[in-house]
PDB file of N, CA and C in Angstrom:
ATOM      1  N   MET A   1     151.573 151.836 158.905  1.00  0.00           N
ATOM      2  CA  MET A   1     152.163 153.043 158.351  1.00  0.00           C
ATOM      3  C   MET A   1     153.486 152.714 157.668  1.00  0.00           C
ATOM      4  N   PRO A   2     153.687 153.224 156.467  1.00  0.00           N
ATOM      5  CA  PRO A   2     154.957 152.964 155.786  1.00  0.00           C
ATOM      6  C   PRO A   2     156.095 153.795 156.386  1.00  0.00           C
ATOM      7  N   ARG A   3     157.263 153.185 156.399  1.00  0.00           N
ATOM      8  CA  ARG A   3     158.457 153.905 156.836  1.00  0.00           C
ATOM      9  C   ARG A   3     158.963 154.766 155.678  1.00  0.00           C
ATOM     10  N   VAL A   4     159.794 155.753 156.019  1.00  0.00           N
ATOM     11  CA  VAL A   4     160.348 156.659 155.015  1.00  0.00           C
ATOM     12  C   VAL A   4     161.862 156.713 155.198  1.00  0.00           C
ATOM     13  N   MET A   5     162.582 156.656 154.072  1.00  0.00           N
ATOM     14  CA  MET A   5     164.033 156.833 154.098  1.00  0.00           C
ATOM     15  C   MET A   5     164.347 158.116 153.334  1.00  0.00           C
ATOM     16  N   PHE A   6     165.063 159.012 154.008  1.00  0.00           N
ATOM     17  CA  PHE A   6     165.468 160.291 153.438  1.00  0.00           C
ATOM     18  C   PHE A   6     166.987 160.293 153.367  1.00  0.00           C
ATOM     19  N   THR A   7     167.536 160.541 152.172  1.00  0.00           N
ATOM     20  CA  THR A   7     168.985 160.565 152.017  1.00  0.00           C
ATOM     21  C   THR A   7     169.446 161.909 151.466  1.00  0.00           C
ATOM     22  N   ILE A   8     170.641 162.279 151.887  1.00  0.00           N
ATOM     23  CA  ILE A   8     171.298 163.490 151.402  1.00  0.00           C
ATOM     24  C   ILE A   8     172.695 163.051 150.961  1.00  0.00           C
ATOM     25  N   THR A   9     173.000 163.229 149.691  1.00  0.00           N
ATOM     26  CA  THR A   9     174.295 162.803 149.155  1.00  0.00           C
ATOM     27  C   THR A   9     175.064 164.025 148.689  1.00  0.00           C
ATOM     28  N   TYR A  10     176.359 164.032 148.984  1.00  0.00           N
ATOM     29  CA  TYR A  10     177.204 165.162 148.609  1.00  0.00           C
ATOM     30  C   TYR A  10     178.663 164.744 148.626  1.00  0.00           C
ATOM     31  N   GLY A  11     179.458 165.497 147.881  1.00  0.00           N
ATOM     32  CA  GLY A  11     180.899 165.335 147.905  1.00  0.00           C
ATOM     33  C   GLY A  11     181.510 166.374 148.835  1.00  0.00           C
ATOM     34  N   ILE A  12     182.602 166.000 149.433  1.00  0.00           N
ATOM     35  CA  ILE A  12     183.336 166.896 150.333  1.00  0.00           C
ATOM     36  C   ILE A  12     184.619 167.340 149.642  1.00  0.00           C
ATOM     37  N   LYS A  13     184.970 168.599 149.804  1.00  0.00           N
ATOM     38  CA  LYS A  13     186.243 169.093 149.269  1.00  0.00           C
ATOM     39  C   LYS A  13     187.358 168.243 149.883  1.00  0.00           C
ATOM     40  N   PRO A  14     188.249 167.680 149.053  1.00  0.00           N
ATOM     41  CA  PRO A  14     189.279 166.766 149.573  1.00  0.00           C
ATOM     42  C   PRO A  14     190.100 167.344 150.729  1.00  0.00           C
ATOM     43  N   GLU A  15     190.428 168.612 150.634  1.00  0.00           N
ATOM     44  CA  GLU A  15     191.248 169.232 151.695  1.00  0.00           C
ATOM     45  C   GLU A  15     190.465 169.442 152.985  1.00  0.00           C
ATOM     46  N   ARG A  16     189.160 169.235 152.967  1.00  0.00           N
ATOM     47  CA  ARG A  16     188.306 169.414 154.155  1.00  0.00           C
ATOM     48  C   ARG A  16     187.836 168.086 154.745  1.00  0.00           C
ATOM     49  N   ARG A  17     188.392 166.966 154.272  1.00  0.00           N
ATOM     50  CA  ARG A  17     187.961 165.639 154.711  1.00  0.00           C
ATOM     51  C   ARG A  17     188.032 165.467 156.227  1.00  0.00           C
ATOM     52  N   ASP A  18     189.156 165.809 156.832  1.00  0.00           N
ATOM     53  CA  ASP A  18     189.301 165.627 158.289  1.00  0.00           C
ATOM     54  C   ASP A  18     188.270 166.446 159.057  1.00  0.00           C
ATOM     55  N   ALA A  19     188.060 167.683 158.620  1.00  0.00           N
ATOM     56  CA  ALA A  19     187.048 168.524 159.265  1.00  0.00           C
ATOM     57  C   ALA A  19     185.669 167.903 159.104  1.00  0.00           C
ATOM     58  N   TYR A  20     185.401 167.352 157.922  1.00  0.00           N
ATOM     59  CA  TYR A  20     184.099 166.720 157.694  1.00  0.00           C
ATOM     60  C   TYR A  20     183.903 165.507 158.604  1.00  0.00           C
ATOM     61  N   LEU A  21     184.908 164.647 158.696  1.00  0.00           N
ATOM     62  CA  LEU A  21     184.764 163.448 159.528  1.00  0.00           C
ATOM     63  C   LEU A  21     184.507 163.817 160.983  1.00  0.00           C
ATOM     64  N   ASP A  22     185.139 164.864 161.465  1.00  0.00           N
ATOM     65  CA  ASP A  22     184.863 165.345 162.818  1.00  0.00           C
ATOM     66  C   ASP A  22     183.418 165.838 162.920  1.00  0.00           C
ATOM     67  N   LEU A  23     182.988 166.606 161.942  1.00  0.00           N
ATOM     68  CA  LEU A  23     181.618 167.110 161.927  1.00  0.00           C
ATOM     69  C   LEU A  23     180.615 165.959 161.840  1.00  0.00           C
ATOM     70  N   ALA A  24     180.877 164.967 161.003  1.00  0.00           N
ATOM     71  CA  ALA A  24     179.964 163.825 160.858  1.00  0.00           C
ATOM     72  C   ALA A  24     179.797 163.095 162.189  1.00  0.00           C
ATOM     73  N   ARG A  25     180.880 162.957 162.948  1.00  0.00           N
ATOM     74  CA  ARG A  25     180.763 162.325 164.274  1.00  0.00           C
ATOM     75  C   ARG A  25     179.874 163.152 165.200  1.00  0.00           C
ATOM     76  N   ARG A  26     180.052 164.466 165.155  1.00  0.00           N
ATOM     77  CA  ARG A  26     179.219 165.335 165.994  1.00  0.00           C
ATOM     78  C   ARG A  26     177.760 165.304 165.558  1.00  0.00           C
ATOM     79  N   MET A  27     177.515 165.266 164.239  1.00  0.00           N
ATOM     80  CA  MET A  27     176.141 165.183 163.749  1.00  0.00           C
ATOM     81  C   MET A  27     175.495 163.879 164.197  1.00  0.00           C
ATOM     82  N   LYS A  28     176.217 162.769 164.050  1.00  0.00           N
ATOM     83  CA  LYS A  28     175.662 161.474 164.453  1.00  0.00           C
ATOM     84  C   LYS A  28     175.334 161.481 165.946  1.00  0.00           C
ATOM     85  N   GLU A  29     176.246 161.978 166.745  1.00  0.00           N
ATOM     86  CA  GLU A  29     176.017 162.052 168.200  1.00  0.00           C
ATOM     87  C   GLU A  29     174.776 162.885 168.506  1.00  0.00           C
ATOM     88  N   HIS A  30     174.671 164.037 167.886  1.00  0.00           N
ATOM     89  CA  HIS A  30     173.540 164.923 168.165  1.00  0.00           C
ATOM     90  C   HIS A  30     172.222 164.322 167.682  1.00  0.00           C
ATOM     91  N   PHE A  31     172.198 163.841 166.439  1.00  0.00           N
ATOM     92  CA  PHE A  31     170.937 163.345 165.881  1.00  0.00           C
ATOM     93  C   PHE A  31     170.460 162.074 166.572  1.00  0.00           C
ATOM     94  N   THR A  32     171.374 161.188 166.946  1.00  0.00           N
ATOM     95  CA  THR A  32     170.947 159.929 167.552  1.00  0.00           C
ATOM     96  C   THR A  32     170.704 160.047 169.050  1.00  0.00           C
ATOM     97  N   THR A  33     171.435 160.924 169.720  1.00  0.00           N
ATOM     98  CA  THR A  33     171.275 161.059 171.170  1.00  0.00           C
ATOM     99  C   THR A  33     170.220 162.097 171.517  1.00  0.00           C
ATOM    100  N   SER A  34     170.468 163.336 171.156  1.00  0.00           N
ATOM    101  CA  SER A  34     169.533 164.417 171.491  1.00  0.00           C
ATOM    102  C   SER A  34     168.253 164.333 170.662  1.00  0.00           C
ATOM    103  N   GLY A  35     168.416 164.067 169.376  1.00  0.00           N
ATOM    104  CA  GLY A  35     167.260 164.076 168.489  1.00  0.00           C
ATOM    105  C   GLY A  35     166.520 162.758 168.408  1.00  0.00           C
ATOM    106  N   LYS A  36     167.127 161.686 168.944  1.00  0.00           N
ATOM    107  CA  LYS A  36     166.502 160.347 168.914  1.00  0.00           C
ATOM    108  C   LYS A  36     166.145 159.913 167.491  1.00  0.00           C
ATOM    109  N   LYS A  37     167.008 160.256 166.539  1.00  0.00           N
ATOM    110  CA  LYS A  37     166.771 159.916 165.140  1.00  0.00           C
ATOM    111  C   LYS A  37     167.519 158.633 164.776  1.00  0.00           C
ATOM    112  N   ASN A  38     166.992 157.900 163.802  1.00  0.00           N
ATOM    113  CA  ASN A  38     167.691 156.769 163.220  1.00  0.00           C
ATOM    114  C   ASN A  38     168.504 157.359 162.064  1.00  0.00           C
ATOM    115  N   TYR A  39     169.792 157.565 162.297  1.00  0.00           N
ATOM    116  CA  TYR A  39     170.637 158.353 161.400  1.00  0.00           C
ATOM    117  C   TYR A  39     171.982 157.665 161.229  1.00  0.00           C
ATOM    118  N   SER A  40     172.468 157.620 159.984  1.00  0.00           N
ATOM    119  CA  SER A  40     173.786 157.057 159.688  1.00  0.00           C
ATOM    120  C   SER A  40     174.435 157.866 158.576  1.00  0.00           C
ATOM    121  N   VAL A  41     175.760 157.744 158.493  1.00  0.00           N
ATOM    122  CA  VAL A  41     176.518 158.391 157.419  1.00  0.00           C
ATOM    123  C   VAL A  41     177.350 157.310 156.744  1.00  0.00           C
ATOM    124  N   TYR A  42     177.307 157.278 155.402  1.00  0.00           N
ATOM    125  CA  TYR A  42     178.028 156.291 154.615  1.00  0.00           C
ATOM    126  C   TYR A  42     178.937 157.003 153.615  1.00  0.00           C
ATOM    127  N   GLU A  43     180.062 156.345 153.295  1.00  0.00           N
ATOM    128  CA  GLU A  43     180.922 156.830 152.217  1.00  0.00           C
ATOM    129  C   GLU A  43     180.821 155.835 151.068  1.00  0.00           C
ATOM    130  N   ALA A  44     180.693 156.342 149.854  1.00  0.00           N
ATOM    131  CA  ALA A  44     180.544 155.486 148.679  1.00  0.00           C
ATOM    132  C   ALA A  44     181.796 154.639 148.477  1.00  0.00           C
ATOM    133  N   LYS A  45     181.588 153.368 148.260  1.00  0.00           N
ATOM    134  CA  LYS A  45     182.700 152.455 147.991  1.00  0.00           C
ATOM    135  C   LYS A  45     183.331 152.838 146.655  1.00  0.00           C
ATOM    136  N   GLY A  46     184.627 153.059 146.685  1.00  0.00           N
ATOM    137  CA  GLY A  46     185.344 153.414 145.466  1.00  0.00           C
ATOM    138  C   GLY A  46     185.229 154.869 145.051  1.00  0.00           C
ATOM    139  N   ARG A  47     184.547 155.681 145.859  1.00  0.00           N
ATOM    140  CA  ARG A  47     184.384 157.110 145.542  1.00  0.00           C
ATOM    141  C   ARG A  47     184.711 157.920 146.791  1.00  0.00           C
ATOM    142  N   LYS A  48     185.981 158.053 147.078  1.00  0.00           N
ATOM    143  CA  LYS A  48     186.416 158.763 148.274  1.00  0.00           C
ATOM    144  C   LYS A  48     185.812 160.167 148.302  1.00  0.00           C
ATOM    145  N   ASN A  49     185.373 160.553 149.478  1.00  0.00           N
ATOM    146  CA  ASN A  49     184.798 161.877 149.755  1.00  0.00           C
ATOM    147  C   ASN A  49     183.376 162.063 149.232  1.00  0.00           C
ATOM    148  N   LEU A  50     182.708 160.987 148.811  1.00  0.00           N
ATOM    149  CA  LEU A  50     181.296 161.057 148.437  1.00  0.00           C
ATOM    150  C   LEU A  50     180.500 160.383 149.563  1.00  0.00           C
ATOM    151  N   PHE A  51     179.717 161.177 150.266  1.00  0.00           N
ATOM    152  CA  PHE A  51     179.019 160.699 151.458  1.00  0.00           C
ATOM    153  C   PHE A  51     177.508 160.771 151.289  1.00  0.00           C
ATOM    154  N   THR A  52     176.823 159.894 152.014  1.00  0.00           N
ATOM    155  CA  THR A  52     175.364 159.895 152.057  1.00  0.00           C
ATOM    156  C   THR A  52     174.918 159.815 153.504  1.00  0.00           C
ATOM    157  N   GLU A  53     174.083 160.763 153.888  1.00  0.00           N
ATOM    158  CA  GLU A  53     173.427 160.716 155.200  1.00  0.00           C
ATOM    159  C   GLU A  53     172.095 160.021 154.996  1.00  0.00           C
ATOM    160  N   VAL A  54     171.724 159.147 155.917  1.00  0.00           N
ATOM    161  CA  VAL A  54     170.471 158.403 155.822  1.00  0.00           C
ATOM    162  C   VAL A  54     169.675 158.606 157.109  1.00  0.00           C
ATOM    163  N   PHE A  55     168.457 159.089 156.942  1.00  0.00           N
ATOM    164  CA  PHE A  55     167.495 159.176 158.041  1.00  0.00           C
ATOM    165  C   PHE A  55     166.400 158.150 157.754  1.00  0.00           C
ATOM    166  N   LEU A  56     166.125 157.269 158.705  1.00  0.00           N
ATOM    167  CA  LEU A  56     165.014 156.331 158.589  1.00  0.00           C
ATOM    168  C   LEU A  56     163.958 156.733 159.599  1.00  0.00           C
ATOM    169  N   THR A  57     162.736 156.896 159.117  1.00  0.00           N
ATOM    170  CA  THR A  57     161.647 157.261 160.031  1.00  0.00           C
ATOM    171  C   THR A  57     160.569 156.181 159.983  1.00  0.00           C
ATOM    172  N   ASN A  58     159.799 156.091 161.043  1.00  0.00           N
ATOM    173  CA  ASN A  58     158.775 155.056 161.150  1.00  0.00           C
ATOM    174  C   ASN A  58     157.450 155.432 160.514  1.00  0.00           C
ATOM    175  N   SER A  59     157.329 156.667 160.027  1.00  0.00           N
ATOM    176  CA  SER A  59     156.078 157.098 159.410  1.00  0.00           C
ATOM    177  C   SER A  59     156.320 158.369 158.591  1.00  0.00           C
ATOM    178  N   VAL A  60     155.351 158.689 157.748  1.00  0.00           N
ATOM    179  CA  VAL A  60     155.412 159.921 156.975  1.00  0.00           C
ATOM    180  C   VAL A  60     155.367 161.118 157.912  1.00  0.00           C
ATOM    181  N   GLU A  61     154.592 161.017 158.984  1.00  0.00           N
ATOM    182  CA  GLU A  61     154.488 162.122 159.949  1.00  0.00           C
ATOM    183  C   GLU A  61     155.831 162.389 160.631  1.00  0.00           C
ATOM    184  N   GLU A  62     156.534 161.320 160.985  1.00  0.00           N
ATOM    185  CA  GLU A  62     157.861 161.488 161.593  1.00  0.00           C
ATOM    186  C   GLU A  62     158.826 162.116 160.593  1.00  0.00           C
ATOM    187  N   TYR A  63     158.750 161.700 159.334  1.00  0.00           N
ATOM    188  CA  TYR A  63     159.571 162.300 158.280  1.00  0.00           C
ATOM    189  C   TYR A  63     159.253 163.792 158.150  1.00  0.00           C
ATOM    190  N   ASP A  64     157.966 164.125 158.084  1.00  0.00           N
ATOM    191  CA  ASP A  64     157.559 165.527 157.947  1.00  0.00           C
ATOM    192  C   ASP A  64     158.079 166.381 159.095  1.00  0.00           C
ATOM    193  N   ALA A  65     158.224 165.794 160.265  1.00  0.00           N
ATOM    194  CA  ALA A  65     158.683 166.529 161.445  1.00  0.00           C
ATOM    195  C   ALA A  65     160.191 166.761 161.450  1.00  0.00           C
ATOM    196  N   LEU A  66     160.953 166.066 160.590  1.00  0.00           N
ATOM    197  CA  LEU A  66     162.416 166.232 160.587  1.00  0.00           C
ATOM    198  C   LEU A  66     162.821 167.694 160.430  1.00  0.00           C
ATOM    199  N   GLU A  67     162.276 168.345 159.433  1.00  0.00           N
ATOM    200  CA  GLU A  67     162.646 169.732 159.167  1.00  0.00           C
ATOM    201  C   GLU A  67     162.004 170.693 160.165  1.00  0.00           C
ATOM    202  N   ASP A  68     160.809 170.379 160.592  1.00  0.00           N
ATOM    203  CA  ASP A  68     160.088 171.267 161.506  1.00  0.00           C
ATOM    204  C   ASP A  68     160.696 171.313 162.900  1.00  0.00           C
ATOM    205  N   ASN A  69     161.394 170.251 163.295  1.00  0.00           N
ATOM    206  CA  ASN A  69     161.900 170.142 164.665  1.00  0.00           C
ATOM    207  C   ASN A  69     163.405 170.372 164.776  1.00  0.00           C
ATOM    208  N   GLN A  70     163.956 171.234 163.958  1.00  0.00           N
ATOM    209  CA  GLN A  70     165.394 171.508 164.023  1.00  0.00           C
ATOM    210  C   GLN A  70     165.703 172.465 165.167  1.00  0.00           C
ATOM    211  N   ASP A  71     166.601 172.042 166.053  1.00  0.00           N
ATOM    212  CA  ASP A  71     167.015 172.907 167.156  1.00  0.00           C
ATOM    213  C   ASP A  71     168.225 173.749 166.726  1.00  0.00           C
ATOM    214  N   GLU A  72     168.704 174.593 167.628  1.00  0.00           N
ATOM    215  CA  GLU A  72     169.825 175.482 167.296  1.00  0.00           C
ATOM    216  C   GLU A  72     171.082 174.709 166.932  1.00  0.00           C
ATOM    217  N   THR A  73     171.330 173.592 167.611  1.00  0.00           N
ATOM    218  CA  THR A  73     172.520 172.793 167.327  1.00  0.00           C
ATOM    219  C   THR A  73     172.444 172.209 165.924  1.00  0.00           C
ATOM    220  N   THR A  74     171.279 171.713 165.540  1.00  0.00           N
ATOM    221  CA  THR A  74     171.102 171.164 164.195  1.00  0.00           C
ATOM    222  C   THR A  74     171.366 172.232 163.145  1.00  0.00           C
ATOM    223  N   VAL A  75     170.816 173.403 163.324  1.00  0.00           N
ATOM    224  CA  VAL A  75     171.020 174.508 162.377  1.00  0.00           C
ATOM    225  C   VAL A  75     172.508 174.849 162.274  1.00  0.00           C
ATOM    226  N   ALA A  76     173.214 174.874 163.395  1.00  0.00           N
ATOM    227  CA  ALA A  76     174.643 175.189 163.395  1.00  0.00           C
ATOM    228  C   ALA A  76     175.448 174.096 162.687  1.00  0.00           C
ATOM    229  N   LEU A  77     175.115 172.829 162.937  1.00  0.00           N
ATOM    230  CA  LEU A  77     175.825 171.721 162.296  1.00  0.00           C
ATOM    231  C   LEU A  77     175.621 171.749 160.782  1.00  0.00           C
ATOM    232  N   VAL A  78     174.403 171.971 160.335  1.00  0.00           N
ATOM    233  CA  VAL A  78     174.111 172.034 158.909  1.00  0.00           C
ATOM    234  C   VAL A  78     174.843 173.223 158.275  1.00  0.00           C
ATOM    235  N   GLY A  79     174.887 174.342 158.962  1.00  0.00           N
ATOM    236  CA  GLY A  79     175.615 175.506 158.464  1.00  0.00           C
ATOM    237  C   GLY A  79     177.094 175.212 158.296  1.00  0.00           C
ATOM    238  N   GLU A  80     177.665 174.492 159.249  1.00  0.00           N
ATOM    239  CA  GLU A  80     179.072 174.107 159.169  1.00  0.00           C
ATOM    240  C   GLU A  80     179.301 173.152 157.989  1.00  0.00           C
ATOM    241  N   LEU A  81     178.379 172.229 157.788  1.00  0.00           N
ATOM    242  CA  LEU A  81     178.483 171.270 156.692  1.00  0.00           C
ATOM    243  C   LEU A  81     178.504 171.969 155.340  1.00  0.00           C
ATOM    244  N   GLU A  82     177.683 172.964 155.172  1.00  0.00           N
ATOM    245  CA  GLU A  82     177.581 173.658 153.885  1.00  0.00           C
ATOM    246  C   GLU A  82     178.922 174.206 153.415  1.00  0.00           C
ATOM    247  N   GLY A  83     179.809 174.583 154.326  1.00  0.00           N
ATOM    248  CA  GLY A  83     181.117 175.098 153.967  1.00  0.00           C
ATOM    249  C   GLY A  83     182.122 174.035 153.549  1.00  0.00           C
ATOM    250  N   LEU A  84     181.766 172.752 153.718  1.00  0.00           N
ATOM    251  CA  LEU A  84     182.677 171.651 153.397  1.00  0.00           C
ATOM    252  C   LEU A  84     182.334 170.939 152.097  1.00  0.00           C
ATOM    253  N   ILE A  85     181.156 171.216 151.580  1.00  0.00           N
ATOM    254  CA  ILE A  85     180.641 170.497 150.402  1.00  0.00           C
ATOM    255  C   ILE A  85     181.246 171.057 149.120  1.00  0.00           C
ATOM    256  N   ASP A  86     181.525 170.157 148.180  1.00  0.00           N
ATOM    257  CA  ASP A  86     182.111 170.582 146.906  1.00  0.00           C
ATOM    258  C   ASP A  86     181.077 171.306 146.032  1.00  0.00           C
ATOM    259  N   GLU A  87     181.518 171.716 144.855  1.00  0.00           N
ATOM    260  CA  GLU A  87     180.691 172.556 143.980  1.00  0.00           C
ATOM    261  C   GLU A  87     179.458 171.850 143.419  1.00  0.00           C
ATOM    262  N   GLU A  88     179.382 170.530 143.505  1.00  0.00           N
ATOM    263  CA  GLU A  88     178.208 169.809 142.984  1.00  0.00           C
ATOM    264  C   GLU A  88     177.005 169.885 143.922  1.00  0.00           C
ATOM    265  N   GLY A  89     177.231 170.290 145.154  1.00  0.00           N
ATOM    266  CA  GLY A  89     176.136 170.484 146.090  1.00  0.00           C
ATOM    267  C   GLY A  89     175.527 169.200 146.616  1.00  0.00           C
ATOM    268  N   MET A  90     174.326 169.336 147.167  1.00  0.00           N
ATOM    269  CA  MET A  90     173.624 168.218 147.801  1.00  0.00           C
ATOM    270  C   MET A  90     172.535 167.683 146.874  1.00  0.00           C
ATOM    271  N   LYS A  91     172.321 166.379 146.959  1.00  0.00           N
ATOM    272  CA  LYS A  91     171.224 165.727 146.244  1.00  0.00           C
ATOM    273  C   LYS A  91     170.366 165.010 147.279  1.00  0.00           C
ATOM    274  N   TYR A  92     169.060 165.236 147.223  1.00  0.00           N
ATOM    275  CA  TYR A  92     168.118 164.695 148.198  1.00  0.00           C
ATOM    276  C   TYR A  92     167.257 163.619 147.552  1.00  0.00           C
ATOM    277  N   THR A  93     166.987 162.562 148.309  1.00  0.00           N
ATOM    278  CA  THR A  93     166.070 161.528 147.867  1.00  0.00           C
ATOM    279  C   THR A  93     165.185 161.115 149.040  1.00  0.00           C
ATOM    280  N   THR A  94     163.911 160.976 148.760  1.00  0.00           N
ATOM    281  CA  THR A  94     162.965 160.493 149.760  1.00  0.00           C
ATOM    282  C   THR A  94     162.222 159.310 149.155  1.00  0.00           C
ATOM    283  N   VAL A  95     162.264 158.171 149.857  1.00  0.00           N
ATOM    284  CA  VAL A  95     161.546 156.990 149.398  1.00  0.00           C
ATOM    285  C   VAL A  95     160.630 156.503 150.531  1.00  0.00           C
ATOM    286  N   VAL A  96     159.462 156.028 150.125  1.00  0.00           N
ATOM    287  CA  VAL A  96     158.470 155.530 151.064  1.00  0.00           C
ATOM    288  C   VAL A  96     158.390 154.014 150.904  1.00  0.00           C
ATOM    289  N   GLU A  97     158.369 153.310 152.016  1.00  0.00           N
ATOM    290  CA  GLU A  97     158.309 151.857 151.996  1.00  0.00           C
ATOM    291  C   GLU A  97     157.087 151.377 151.216  1.00  0.00           C
ATOM    292  N   ALA A  98     157.305 150.468 150.279  1.00  0.00           N
ATOM    293  CA  ALA A  98     156.232 150.010 149.408  1.00  0.00           C
ATOM    294  C   ALA A  98     155.485 148.799 149.990  1.00  0.00           C
ATOM    295  N   ILE A  99     156.227 147.870 150.569  1.00  0.00           N
ATOM    296  CA  ILE A  99     155.581 146.662 151.109  1.00  0.00           C
ATOM    297  C   ILE A  99     156.174 146.296 152.453  1.00  0.00           C
TER     298      ILE A  99
END
C-alpha cells in the first residue's frame, strides 16, 4: 500500500506568532499522543511566519480517515488556528507515494 503525505501551508499574522507557536505545540501533542498520527509542523526557511503541517499516513485508507475521525479537541484546535491565519488562507496538498 502506498503511503500518503498531506500538507497544509499557511501564513500566520505576525502579531499572532506567539499564540500560534503555543497552539502548534498543543496540536502536535494532541495529534501525536491522543490521535496517534505522524504529524509535524515546519516553518519555511527564510520566510518567517509561513508554516506547513505535515501528516504522513501508511495508506490511502488511513489518509481518508483523517477527516472522518476528528474529535472535539481537534475541531477546537482547528477553529483556534483559523483565527491566526493571514489573509492568504490555507493551501492543501496531498501526494501519494509513487515507488
